[in-house]
Amino acid sequence: MSGINESVLETESLTKSFGGLIAVNNVSLKVREKTITMLIGPNGAGKSTFVNLCTGVLKPDSGKIYFLGKDITDWPPHKIYREGFVRTFQIPSPFLKLTVLENVLAALKSSAENPIKAPIRSLWIKEEEENIKKAFKILAKVGLEDVWDYEALKLGGAQLKMLEIARALATGAKLIALDEPIGGVDPAYAGDILGYVRNIKETMGLSFLLIEHRIDIALPFADYVYVMDRGSVIFEGLPSEVEKNPRVIEVYLG
């Protein structure tokens, strides 16, 4: 894909019901290349269900999902992940007993994991050295280079969120879905997290789907915005237009 107008992710009329509840209702959305596309809405709006559909965790009742031009509607999660569409979760789940560096190395591909090559050190030692260099570059991108030797269990909430993003970067992701990356984080650090995300977009050319309900903090970091309420998209447009929209004001302010 060559231009910023190209779609990395596109959904067409995506719908998912649980019994009588329509959690995602006819949602059509685009994430364009090298952008932060924000999906916002109050709790229960259907945002996480939408991401679960896009990443193969749930199957839609109807509609289509395209990633890099491929129809991935019925793909299993591991296949979507290998294709380069990676997500983080509201509650980070690193290997708590491993160091920050080891957590990132675990996400990088290595010949040392091959049972045939593993016993022969000369077959993988150079690659392992290169992976360590890559891991440190990634840690620098997310502000964790100074805590590389800390066990993950010793990190603060904001640092754990950044470690999740570092591990996603290590997979070689082309699109990262961030599910409430500032959820549960001290507001003083929330802007730092989103600042790192914006810098990664600009310096690495990655695309992000940012799922949030904190419109006040997250909005300035977005390039384009979709607002969901009760399963449906009630608004899409530029960040400057969101807070002026009567329907968005009604949802957020009542």
Protein backbone atom coordinates (compact mmCIF):
# COMPACT_ATOMS: atom_id res chain seq x y z
CA MET A 1 0.00 0.00 0.00
CA SER A 2 1.50 3.29 -1.04
CA GLY A 3 -0.55 6.28 0.00
CA ILE A 4 -2.00 7.69 3.17
CA ASN A 5 -5.48 7.41 1.62
CA GLU A 6 -5.25 3.63 1.39
CA SER A 7 -7.26 1.60 3.89
CA VAL A 8 -5.37 -0.78 6.15
CA LEU A 9 -8.56 -2.03 7.78
CA GLU A 10 -12.09 -1.73 6.46
CA THR A 11 -15.36 -3.15 7.72
CA GLU A 12 -18.63 -3.26 5.80
CA SER A 13 -21.95 -3.41 7.67
CA LEU A 14 -20.49 -5.45 10.54
CA THR A 15 -23.17 -6.81 12.87
CA LYS A 16 -23.07 -8.97 16.00
CA SER A 17 -25.87 -9.87 18.41
CA PHE A 18 -25.90 -11.69 21.73
CA GLY A 19 -29.42 -12.97 22.18
CA GLY A 20 -31.68 -9.92 21.94
CA LEU A 21 -28.81 -7.44 22.35
CA ILE A 22 -27.30 -5.98 19.17
CA ALA A 23 -23.74 -5.25 20.36
CA VAL A 24 -22.43 -4.11 16.95
CA ASN A 25 -25.02 -2.76 14.54
CA ASN A 26 -24.18 -2.38 10.87
CA VAL A 27 -20.77 -0.75 11.49
CA SER A 28 -18.72 0.38 8.48
CA LEU A 29 -15.32 1.80 9.42
CA LYS A 30 -11.97 2.52 7.78
CA VAL A 31 -8.49 2.79 9.26
CA ARG A 32 -6.24 4.51 6.77
CA GLU A 33 -2.55 3.92 6.38
CA LYS A 34 -0.23 5.80 8.77
CA THR A 35 -3.06 7.25 10.87
CA ILE A 36 -4.43 7.00 14.38
CA THR A 37 -8.11 6.27 13.91
CA MET A 38 -10.00 6.60 17.16
CA LEU A 39 -13.12 4.65 18.05
CA ILE A 40 -14.75 6.27 21.05
CA GLY A 41 -17.97 5.88 22.98
CA PRO A 42 -19.23 5.35 26.50
CA ASN A 43 -18.85 2.02 28.29
CA GLY A 44 -21.12 -0.57 26.68
CA ALA A 45 -21.12 1.16 23.29
CA GLY A 46 -19.79 -1.97 21.53
CA LYS A 47 -16.19 -0.87 20.98
CA SER A 48 -14.45 -3.95 22.42
CA THR A 49 -16.91 -6.28 20.68
CA PHE A 50 -16.08 -4.55 17.41
CA VAL A 51 -12.35 -5.14 17.96
CA ASN A 52 -13.01 -8.77 18.92
CA LEU A 53 -14.81 -9.21 15.59
CA CYS A 54 -11.99 -7.59 13.61
CA THR A 55 -9.31 -9.73 15.28
CA GLY A 56 -11.15 -13.03 14.89
CA VAL A 57 -12.02 -13.57 18.56
CA LEU A 58 -15.71 -13.37 17.64
CA LYS A 59 -17.43 -14.15 14.34
CA PRO A 60 -19.86 -11.57 12.94
CA ASP A 61 -23.48 -12.42 12.22
CA SER A 62 -23.14 -10.47 8.97
CA GLY A 63 -20.81 -8.03 7.25
CA LYS A 64 -17.24 -8.13 5.98
CA ILE A 65 -13.75 -7.33 7.36
CA TYR A 66 -10.84 -6.47 5.07
CA PHE A 67 -7.21 -6.12 6.16
CA LEU A 68 -4.65 -4.89 3.61
CA GLY A 69 -7.21 -5.66 0.92
CA LYS A 70 -7.76 -9.28 2.02
CA ASP A 71 -11.11 -10.58 3.23
CA ILE A 72 -10.30 -11.81 6.76
CA THR A 73 -13.92 -12.15 7.93
CA ASP A 74 -13.65 -15.84 8.81
CA TRP A 75 -9.97 -16.00 9.70
CA PRO A 76 -8.93 -17.32 13.13
CA PRO A 77 -7.09 -14.93 15.50
CA HIS A 78 -3.64 -16.51 15.06
CA LYS A 79 -3.80 -16.11 11.26
CA ILE A 80 -4.83 -12.44 11.55
CA TYR A 81 -1.99 -11.90 14.05
CA ARG A 82 0.56 -13.45 11.67
CA GLU A 83 -0.73 -11.24 8.86
CA GLY A 84 0.25 -8.15 10.90
CA PHE A 85 -2.92 -7.08 12.70
CA VAL A 86 -2.10 -7.12 16.42
CA ARG A 87 -4.07 -5.91 19.42
CA THR A 88 -3.36 -4.95 23.00
CA PHE A 89 -5.77 -5.45 25.87
CA GLN A 90 -7.31 -3.24 28.57
CA ILE A 91 -5.54 -5.38 31.17
CA PRO A 92 -1.89 -6.01 30.15
CA SER A 93 -0.74 -9.62 30.35
CA PRO A 94 3.08 -9.73 30.07
CA PHE A 95 5.26 -12.52 31.42
CA LEU A 96 5.50 -11.06 34.91
CA LYS A 97 8.62 -12.98 35.99
CA LEU A 98 10.55 -12.05 32.83
CA THR A 99 12.39 -8.77 32.44
CA VAL A 100 11.12 -6.01 30.17
CA LEU A 101 13.77 -6.94 27.60
CA GLU A 102 12.91 -10.64 27.77
CA ASN A 103 9.23 -9.86 27.23
CA VAL A 104 10.06 -8.04 23.98
CA LEU A 105 12.51 -10.75 22.87
CA ALA A 106 9.76 -13.34 23.38
CA ALA A 107 7.70 -11.55 20.72
CA LEU A 108 10.55 -11.47 18.18
CA LYS A 109 10.99 -14.43 15.84
CA SER A 110 14.11 -16.46 16.53
CA SER A 111 15.73 -19.57 15.05
CA ALA A 112 16.73 -20.50 18.60
CA GLU A 113 13.12 -21.68 19.05
CA ASN A 114 13.54 -24.23 16.25
CA PRO A 115 14.07 -27.64 17.93
CA ILE A 116 16.50 -28.67 15.19
CA LYS A 117 18.62 -25.49 15.30
CA ALA A 118 18.37 -24.82 19.05
CA PRO A 119 21.17 -27.23 20.12
CA ILE A 120 23.61 -25.68 17.60
CA ARG A 121 24.46 -22.26 18.98
CA SER A 122 26.33 -21.08 15.88
CA LEU A 123 23.10 -21.31 13.85
CA TRP A 124 21.24 -18.70 15.88
CA ILE A 125 23.65 -16.66 18.01
CA LYS A 126 24.04 -13.84 15.43
CA GLU A 127 20.31 -13.61 14.96
CA GLU A 128 19.84 -13.49 18.73
CA GLU A 129 22.33 -10.60 18.97
CA GLU A 130 20.42 -8.74 16.25
CA ASN A 131 17.16 -9.35 18.09
CA ILE A 132 18.60 -7.82 21.26
CA LYS A 133 19.54 -4.70 19.27
CA LYS A 134 16.02 -4.57 17.77
CA ALA A 135 14.47 -5.01 21.21
CA PHE A 136 16.42 -2.08 22.66
CA LYS A 137 15.36 0.13 19.72
CA ILE A 138 11.74 -0.80 20.39
CA LEU A 139 12.10 -0.09 24.11
CA ALA A 140 13.50 3.35 23.26
CA LYS A 141 10.39 4.02 21.14
CA VAL A 142 8.13 3.43 24.16
CA GLY A 143 10.32 4.98 26.85
CA LEU A 144 11.27 1.75 28.61
CA GLU A 145 14.97 1.55 27.73
CA ASP A 146 16.00 2.55 31.26
CA VAL A 147 13.99 -0.27 32.88
CA TRP A 148 15.00 -3.01 30.45
CA ASP A 149 16.27 -5.24 33.26
CA TYR A 150 13.23 -4.81 35.56
CA GLU A 151 10.91 -7.76 36.00
CA ALA A 152 7.55 -6.88 34.46
CA LEU A 153 5.81 -7.31 37.81
CA LYS A 154 7.75 -4.29 39.13
CA LEU A 155 6.40 -1.90 36.48
CA GLY A 156 3.78 0.75 37.08
CA GLY A 157 0.44 0.81 35.24
CA ALA A 158 1.54 3.18 32.48
CA GLN A 159 4.78 1.22 31.95
CA LEU A 160 2.83 -2.03 31.61
CA LYS A 161 0.69 -0.42 28.92
CA MET A 162 3.84 0.65 27.06
CA LEU A 163 5.29 -2.85 27.37
CA GLU A 164 2.15 -4.19 25.67
CA ILE A 165 2.76 -1.77 22.79
CA ALA A 166 6.46 -2.75 22.66
CA ARG A 167 5.54 -6.42 22.35
CA ALA A 168 3.09 -5.58 19.55
CA LEU A 169 5.82 -3.65 17.72
CA ALA A 170 8.18 -6.62 18.08
CA THR A 171 5.80 -8.82 16.07
CA GLY A 172 6.27 -6.59 13.03
CA ALA A 173 2.68 -5.40 13.17
CA LYS A 174 1.27 -3.24 10.39
CA LEU A 175 -1.82 -2.27 12.37
CA ILE A 176 -2.14 -2.21 16.16
CA ALA A 177 -5.53 -2.03 17.87
CA LEU A 178 -5.08 -0.40 21.28
CA ASP A 179 -7.97 -1.33 23.55
CA GLU A 180 -8.21 1.50 26.11
CA PRO A 181 -4.45 2.09 26.45
CA ILE A 182 -5.03 4.80 29.06
CA GLY A 183 -7.67 2.88 31.00
CA GLY A 184 -6.76 2.64 34.70
CA VAL A 185 -3.71 4.86 34.19
CA ASP A 186 -3.00 7.98 36.25
CA PRO A 187 -4.24 10.89 34.05
CA ALA A 188 -0.83 12.53 34.53
CA TYR A 189 0.73 9.73 32.43
CA ALA A 190 -2.11 9.19 29.93
CA GLY A 191 -0.87 11.91 27.58
CA ASP A 192 2.63 10.42 27.67
CA ILE A 193 1.32 7.05 26.46
CA LEU A 194 -0.60 8.61 23.58
CA GLY A 195 2.37 10.83 22.76
CA TYR A 196 4.54 7.75 22.31
CA VAL A 197 1.86 6.20 20.09
CA ARG A 198 1.75 9.30 17.89
CA ASN A 199 5.55 9.33 17.64
CA ILE A 200 5.57 5.65 16.59
CA LYS A 201 2.99 6.42 13.91
CA GLU A 202 5.07 9.29 12.57
CA THR A 203 8.53 7.68 12.74
CA MET A 204 7.65 4.07 11.88
CA GLY A 205 4.68 4.65 9.58
CA LEU A 206 2.38 2.36 11.55
CA SER A 207 -1.40 2.52 11.70
CA PHE A 208 -3.39 2.45 14.93
CA LEU A 209 -7.00 1.78 15.84
CA LEU A 210 -7.36 3.50 19.21
CA ILE A 211 -10.36 2.41 21.29
CA GLU A 212 -11.16 4.79 24.12
CA HIS A 213 -13.95 6.32 26.17
CA ARG A 214 -11.84 9.19 27.59
CA ILE A 215 -12.62 11.67 24.82
CA ASP A 216 -11.07 14.60 26.71
CA ILE A 217 -7.58 13.06 26.86
CA ALA A 218 -7.44 10.99 23.67
CA LEU A 219 -9.06 13.27 21.08
CA PRO A 220 -6.02 15.55 20.41
CA PHE A 221 -3.95 12.52 19.34
CA ALA A 222 -6.37 11.23 16.69
CA ASP A 223 -6.34 11.83 12.94
CA TYR A 224 -9.91 10.63 12.39
CA VAL A 225 -12.70 9.67 14.75
CA TYR A 226 -15.68 7.32 14.89
CA VAL A 227 -18.14 7.58 17.77
CA MET A 228 -20.23 4.58 18.80
CA ASP A 229 -23.27 4.41 21.04
CA ARG A 230 -25.39 1.32 21.71
CA GLY A 231 -23.70 -0.63 18.94
CA SER A 232 -24.02 1.94 16.16
CA VAL A 233 -21.72 4.60 14.71
CA ILE A 234 -23.42 7.92 15.46
CA PHE A 235 -20.65 10.15 14.08
CA GLU A 236 -17.49 10.05 12.01
CA GLY A 237 -15.20 12.90 11.12
CA LEU A 238 -12.20 15.01 12.09
CA PRO A 239 -11.30 15.51 15.78
CA SER A 240 -12.14 19.22 15.50
CA GLU A 241 -15.72 18.32 14.56
CA VAL A 242 -16.43 15.74 17.26
CA GLU A 243 -17.12 17.94 20.27
CA LYS A 244 -19.41 20.20 18.24
CA ASN A 245 -21.68 17.35 17.12
CA PRO A 246 -25.09 17.42 18.90
CA ARG A 247 -25.41 13.62 19.05
CA VAL A 248 -21.94 13.22 20.56
CA ILE A 249 -22.69 15.96 23.12
CA GLU A 250 -25.92 14.19 24.05
CA VAL A 251 -24.16 10.82 24.54
CA TYR A 252 -21.37 12.26 26.65
CA LEU A 253 -23.10 15.06 28.52
CA GLY A 254 -26.70 13.82 28.59
